[in-house]
């Protein structure tokens, strides 16, 4: 799980723990194997699970939170917020999970 959090900066440790705890009901169990006290995650299956409602499977390692985008780009905060609010008609919906 630590590797997953490191590779995917958009995910919080608590979010991943919650998904793993409920893996049998949220269908994530197909991507998870628990051996002793270690949890192993199949990255390809995790990507598929994460993007079940999307047309294309995206690589979770490319995901960023809004705050991370603000830190790494020159887009005005209010402009990005406006684009995200209007994502259903401006085409940005495909890029938002």
N, C-alpha and C. Protein backbone atom coordinates (compact mmCIF):
# COMPACT_ATOMS: atom_id res chain seq x y z
N UNK A 1 0.83 -1.19 0.00
CA UNK A 1 0.00 0.00 0.00
C UNK A 1 0.87 1.25 0.00
N UNK A 2 2.00 1.21 0.70
CA UNK A 2 2.89 2.37 0.72
C UNK A 2 3.40 2.70 -0.68
N UNK A 3 3.71 1.66 -1.47
CA UNK A 3 4.15 1.89 -2.84
C UNK A 3 3.05 2.53 -3.67
N UNK A 4 1.83 2.09 -3.46
CA UNK A 4 0.70 2.65 -4.20
C UNK A 4 0.52 4.12 -3.87
N UNK A 5 0.61 4.46 -2.60
CA UNK A 5 0.47 5.87 -2.18
C UNK A 5 1.61 6.70 -2.77
N UNK A 6 2.80 6.14 -2.82
CA UNK A 6 3.94 6.86 -3.40
C UNK A 6 3.77 7.06 -4.90
N UNK A 7 3.31 6.02 -5.59
CA UNK A 7 3.14 6.09 -7.04
C UNK A 7 1.94 6.94 -7.46
N UNK A 8 0.95 7.01 -6.61
CA UNK A 8 -0.28 7.72 -6.95
C UNK A 8 -0.52 8.85 -5.96
N UNK A 9 0.08 9.99 -6.19
CA UNK A 9 -0.03 11.08 -5.22
C UNK A 9 -1.44 11.62 -5.01
N UNK A 10 -2.36 11.31 -5.91
CA UNK A 10 -3.73 11.81 -5.74
C UNK A 10 -4.51 11.03 -4.70
N UNK A 11 -4.03 9.83 -4.33
CA UNK A 11 -4.74 9.00 -3.38
C UNK A 11 -4.23 9.22 -1.97
N UNK A 12 -5.13 9.34 -1.06
CA UNK A 12 -4.79 9.43 0.36
C UNK A 12 -4.74 8.02 0.93
N UNK A 13 -3.89 7.80 1.89
CA UNK A 13 -3.75 6.49 2.52
C UNK A 13 -5.10 6.01 3.08
N UNK A 14 -5.87 6.89 3.68
CA UNK A 14 -7.16 6.51 4.24
C UNK A 14 -8.15 6.05 3.18
N UNK A 15 -8.11 6.69 2.01
CA UNK A 15 -8.99 6.30 0.91
C UNK A 15 -8.67 4.88 0.46
N UNK A 16 -7.38 4.60 0.28
CA UNK A 16 -6.98 3.27 -0.16
C UNK A 16 -7.32 2.22 0.89
N UNK A 17 -7.09 2.55 2.16
CA UNK A 17 -7.45 1.60 3.23
C UNK A 17 -8.95 1.31 3.21
N UNK A 18 -9.76 2.33 3.00
CA UNK A 18 -11.21 2.15 2.95
C UNK A 18 -11.58 1.24 1.77
N UNK A 19 -11.01 1.49 0.61
CA UNK A 19 -11.28 0.64 -0.55
C UNK A 19 -10.88 -0.79 -0.27
N UNK A 20 -9.70 -0.98 0.32
CA UNK A 20 -9.22 -2.33 0.60
C UNK A 20 -10.09 -3.03 1.65
N UNK A 21 -10.52 -2.29 2.66
CA UNK A 21 -11.37 -2.88 3.70
C UNK A 21 -12.69 -3.38 3.11
N UNK A 22 -13.23 -2.64 2.15
CA UNK A 22 -14.51 -2.99 1.53
C UNK A 22 -14.33 -3.69 0.18
N UNK A 23 -13.18 -4.31 -0.04
CA UNK A 23 -12.85 -4.86 -1.36
C UNK A 23 -13.82 -5.95 -1.82
N UNK A 24 -14.46 -6.66 -0.91
CA UNK A 24 -15.39 -7.71 -1.33
C UNK A 24 -16.70 -7.12 -1.84
N UNK A 25 -17.13 -5.99 -1.27
CA UNK A 25 -18.38 -5.39 -1.71
C UNK A 25 -18.19 -4.40 -2.86
N UNK A 26 -17.01 -3.83 -3.01
CA UNK A 26 -16.80 -2.86 -4.09
C UNK A 26 -16.12 -3.47 -5.31
N UNK A 27 -15.97 -4.78 -5.34
CA UNK A 27 -15.42 -5.55 -6.45
C UNK A 27 -13.92 -5.33 -6.66
N UNK A 28 -13.24 -4.75 -5.70
CA UNK A 28 -11.80 -4.57 -5.81
C UNK A 28 -11.05 -5.85 -5.47
N UNK A 29 -11.74 -6.83 -4.91
CA UNK A 29 -11.07 -8.05 -4.47
C UNK A 29 -10.38 -8.79 -5.62
N UNK A 30 -10.81 -8.58 -6.85
CA UNK A 30 -10.15 -9.24 -7.98
C UNK A 30 -8.75 -8.69 -8.23
N UNK A 31 -8.43 -7.54 -7.66
CA UNK A 31 -7.11 -6.93 -7.85
C UNK A 31 -6.23 -7.04 -6.62
N UNK A 32 -6.74 -7.67 -5.56
CA UNK A 32 -6.02 -7.67 -4.28
C UNK A 32 -5.78 -9.10 -3.80
N UNK A 33 -4.56 -9.33 -3.34
CA UNK A 33 -4.21 -10.60 -2.72
C UNK A 33 -3.59 -10.28 -1.37
N UNK A 34 -4.04 -10.96 -0.32
CA UNK A 34 -3.47 -10.76 1.00
C UNK A 34 -2.73 -12.04 1.40
N UNK A 35 -1.44 -11.88 1.67
CA UNK A 35 -0.60 -12.99 2.11
C UNK A 35 0.00 -12.60 3.45
N UNK A 36 -0.34 -13.38 4.47
CA UNK A 36 0.04 -13.05 5.85
C UNK A 36 -0.48 -11.64 6.16
N UNK A 37 0.40 -10.72 6.50
CA UNK A 37 -0.02 -9.35 6.79
C UNK A 37 0.25 -8.40 5.63
N UNK A 38 0.66 -8.93 4.49
CA UNK A 38 0.98 -8.10 3.33
C UNK A 38 -0.17 -8.09 2.34
N UNK A 39 -0.46 -6.93 1.81
CA UNK A 39 -1.49 -6.78 0.79
C UNK A 39 -0.79 -6.47 -0.53
N UNK A 40 -1.09 -7.27 -1.55
CA UNK A 40 -0.51 -7.09 -2.87
C UNK A 40 -1.61 -6.66 -3.82
N UNK A 41 -1.33 -5.67 -4.64
CA UNK A 41 -2.33 -5.13 -5.57
C UNK A 41 -1.85 -5.31 -7.00
N UNK A 42 -2.67 -5.92 -7.82
CA UNK A 42 -2.40 -6.07 -9.25
C UNK A 42 -2.71 -4.71 -9.90
N UNK A 43 -1.67 -4.04 -10.37
CA UNK A 43 -1.81 -2.68 -10.88
C UNK A 43 -2.76 -2.62 -12.08
N UNK A 44 -2.66 -3.55 -13.01
CA UNK A 44 -3.53 -3.53 -14.18
C UNK A 44 -4.99 -3.69 -13.79
N UNK A 45 -5.27 -4.62 -12.90
CA UNK A 45 -6.65 -4.81 -12.45
C UNK A 45 -7.14 -3.62 -11.63
N UNK A 46 -6.23 -3.02 -10.87
CA UNK A 46 -6.61 -1.82 -10.11
C UNK A 46 -7.00 -0.70 -11.06
N UNK A 47 -6.24 -0.51 -12.14
CA UNK A 47 -6.59 0.50 -13.14
C UNK A 47 -7.96 0.23 -13.74
N UNK A 48 -8.24 -1.03 -14.06
CA UNK A 48 -9.54 -1.38 -14.63
C UNK A 48 -10.65 -1.09 -13.62
N UNK A 49 -10.44 -1.50 -12.36
CA UNK A 49 -11.45 -1.25 -11.33
C UNK A 49 -11.69 0.24 -11.16
N UNK A 50 -10.61 1.03 -11.14
CA UNK A 50 -10.72 2.46 -10.91
C UNK A 50 -11.49 3.16 -12.02
N UNK A 51 -11.41 2.63 -13.21
CA UNK A 51 -12.04 3.31 -14.34
C UNK A 51 -13.23 2.53 -14.90
N UNK A 52 -13.94 1.80 -14.07
CA UNK A 52 -15.08 1.02 -14.54
C UNK A 52 -16.14 1.87 -15.24
N UNK A 53 -16.31 3.11 -14.81
CA UNK A 53 -17.33 3.95 -15.42
C UNK A 53 -16.78 4.83 -16.54
N UNK A 54 -15.54 4.59 -16.93
CA UNK A 54 -14.92 5.39 -18.00
C UNK A 54 -14.79 4.54 -19.26
N UNK A 55 -14.73 5.18 -20.42
CA UNK A 55 -14.56 4.47 -21.68
C UNK A 55 -13.15 3.92 -21.82
N UNK A 56 -12.18 4.67 -21.35
CA UNK A 56 -10.78 4.27 -21.48
C UNK A 56 -10.21 4.03 -20.09
N UNK A 57 -9.32 3.07 -19.98
CA UNK A 57 -8.64 2.81 -18.72
C UNK A 57 -7.49 3.78 -18.60
N UNK A 58 -7.50 4.60 -17.55
CA UNK A 58 -6.41 5.55 -17.35
C UNK A 58 -5.44 4.98 -16.32
N UNK A 59 -4.24 5.44 -16.38
CA UNK A 59 -3.23 5.00 -15.43
C UNK A 59 -3.37 5.84 -14.17
N UNK A 60 -3.68 5.21 -13.06
CA UNK A 60 -3.91 5.94 -11.82
C UNK A 60 -2.71 6.76 -11.38
N UNK A 61 -1.52 6.40 -11.84
CA UNK A 61 -0.32 7.14 -11.45
C UNK A 61 -0.28 8.52 -12.06
N UNK A 62 -1.13 8.77 -13.05
CA UNK A 62 -1.20 10.08 -13.69
C UNK A 62 -2.24 10.99 -13.04
N UNK A 63 -2.99 10.48 -12.08
CA UNK A 63 -4.04 11.27 -11.43
C UNK A 63 -3.43 12.31 -10.49
N UNK A 64 -4.05 13.47 -10.42
CA UNK A 64 -3.63 14.53 -9.51
C UNK A 64 -4.88 15.17 -8.90
N UNK A 65 -4.76 15.62 -7.68
CA UNK A 65 -5.85 16.37 -7.06
C UNK A 65 -5.83 17.80 -7.59
N UNK A 66 -6.89 18.54 -7.33
CA UNK A 66 -6.91 19.95 -7.74
C UNK A 66 -5.75 20.70 -7.11
N UNK A 67 -5.51 20.44 -5.85
CA UNK A 67 -4.43 21.14 -5.14
C UNK A 67 -3.08 20.85 -5.78
N UNK A 68 -2.87 19.60 -6.19
CA UNK A 68 -1.61 19.26 -6.85
C UNK A 68 -1.48 19.95 -8.19
N UNK A 69 -2.60 20.10 -8.90
CA UNK A 69 -2.56 20.83 -10.17
C UNK A 69 -2.20 22.29 -9.95
N UNK A 70 -2.77 22.88 -8.93
CA UNK A 70 -2.48 24.29 -8.64
C UNK A 70 -0.99 24.49 -8.36
N UNK A 71 -0.37 23.52 -7.69
CA UNK A 71 1.05 23.62 -7.35
C UNK A 71 1.95 23.46 -8.57
N UNK A 72 1.48 22.72 -9.58
CA UNK A 72 2.38 22.36 -10.67
C UNK A 72 2.07 23.03 -12.00
N UNK A 73 1.09 23.91 -12.06
CA UNK A 73 0.78 24.56 -13.33
C UNK A 73 0.50 26.04 -13.12
N UNK A 74 0.29 26.72 -14.21
CA UNK A 74 0.08 28.16 -14.15
C UNK A 74 -1.38 28.55 -14.35
N UNK A 75 -2.27 27.59 -14.19
CA UNK A 75 -3.70 27.87 -14.35
C UNK A 75 -4.20 28.60 -13.10
N UNK A 76 -4.95 29.64 -13.32
CA UNK A 76 -5.55 30.39 -12.23
C UNK A 76 -6.53 29.49 -11.48
N UNK A 77 -6.51 29.53 -10.17
CA UNK A 77 -7.35 28.68 -9.34
C UNK A 77 -8.83 28.82 -9.68
N UNK A 78 -9.30 30.04 -9.80
CA UNK A 78 -10.72 30.25 -10.09
C UNK A 78 -11.07 29.76 -11.49
N UNK A 79 -10.14 29.86 -12.44
CA UNK A 79 -10.40 29.39 -13.80
C UNK A 79 -10.56 27.87 -13.82
N UNK A 80 -9.67 27.17 -13.13
CA UNK A 80 -9.77 25.71 -13.08
C UNK A 80 -11.07 25.28 -12.39
N UNK A 81 -11.42 25.95 -11.30
CA UNK A 81 -12.68 25.64 -10.61
C UNK A 81 -13.86 25.83 -11.55
N UNK A 82 -13.84 26.89 -12.35
CA UNK A 82 -14.91 27.15 -13.31
C UNK A 82 -14.97 26.04 -14.36
N UNK A 83 -13.81 25.65 -14.89
CA UNK A 83 -13.76 24.57 -15.87
C UNK A 83 -14.31 23.27 -15.29
N UNK A 84 -13.95 22.97 -14.04
CA UNK A 84 -14.42 21.74 -13.41
C UNK A 84 -15.93 21.75 -13.18
N UNK A 85 -16.47 22.90 -12.81
CA UNK A 85 -17.93 23.01 -12.62
C UNK A 85 -18.67 22.77 -13.93
N UNK A 86 -18.08 23.20 -15.03
CA UNK A 86 -18.72 23.09 -16.35
C UNK A 86 -18.21 21.90 -17.16
N UNK A 87 -17.60 20.93 -16.49
CA UNK A 87 -16.93 19.82 -17.19
C UNK A 87 -17.89 18.95 -18.01
N UNK A 88 -19.19 18.95 -17.68
CA UNK A 88 -20.14 18.10 -18.39
C UNK A 88 -20.36 18.58 -19.82
N UNK A 89 -20.15 19.85 -20.09
CA UNK A 89 -20.35 20.34 -21.46
C UNK A 89 -19.09 20.87 -22.10
N UNK A 90 -18.00 21.04 -21.37
CA UNK A 90 -16.78 21.58 -21.99
C UNK A 90 -15.77 20.50 -22.39
N UNK A 91 -16.10 19.21 -22.19
CA UNK A 91 -15.22 18.13 -22.61
C UNK A 91 -14.24 17.68 -21.54
N UNK A 92 -14.17 18.38 -20.44
CA UNK A 92 -13.23 18.03 -19.38
C UNK A 92 -13.70 16.84 -18.56
N UNK A 93 -14.97 16.46 -18.70
CA UNK A 93 -15.54 15.36 -17.92
C UNK A 93 -14.76 14.06 -18.12
N UNK A 94 -14.24 13.84 -19.31
CA UNK A 94 -13.48 12.62 -19.59
C UNK A 94 -12.17 12.56 -18.81
N UNK A 95 -11.69 13.71 -18.35
CA UNK A 95 -10.41 13.75 -17.64
C UNK A 95 -10.56 13.79 -16.11
N UNK A 96 -11.80 13.76 -15.62
CA UNK A 96 -12.05 13.90 -14.19
C UNK A 96 -12.63 12.61 -13.64
N UNK A 97 -12.03 12.13 -12.54
CA UNK A 97 -12.55 10.94 -11.85
C UNK A 97 -13.14 11.41 -10.54
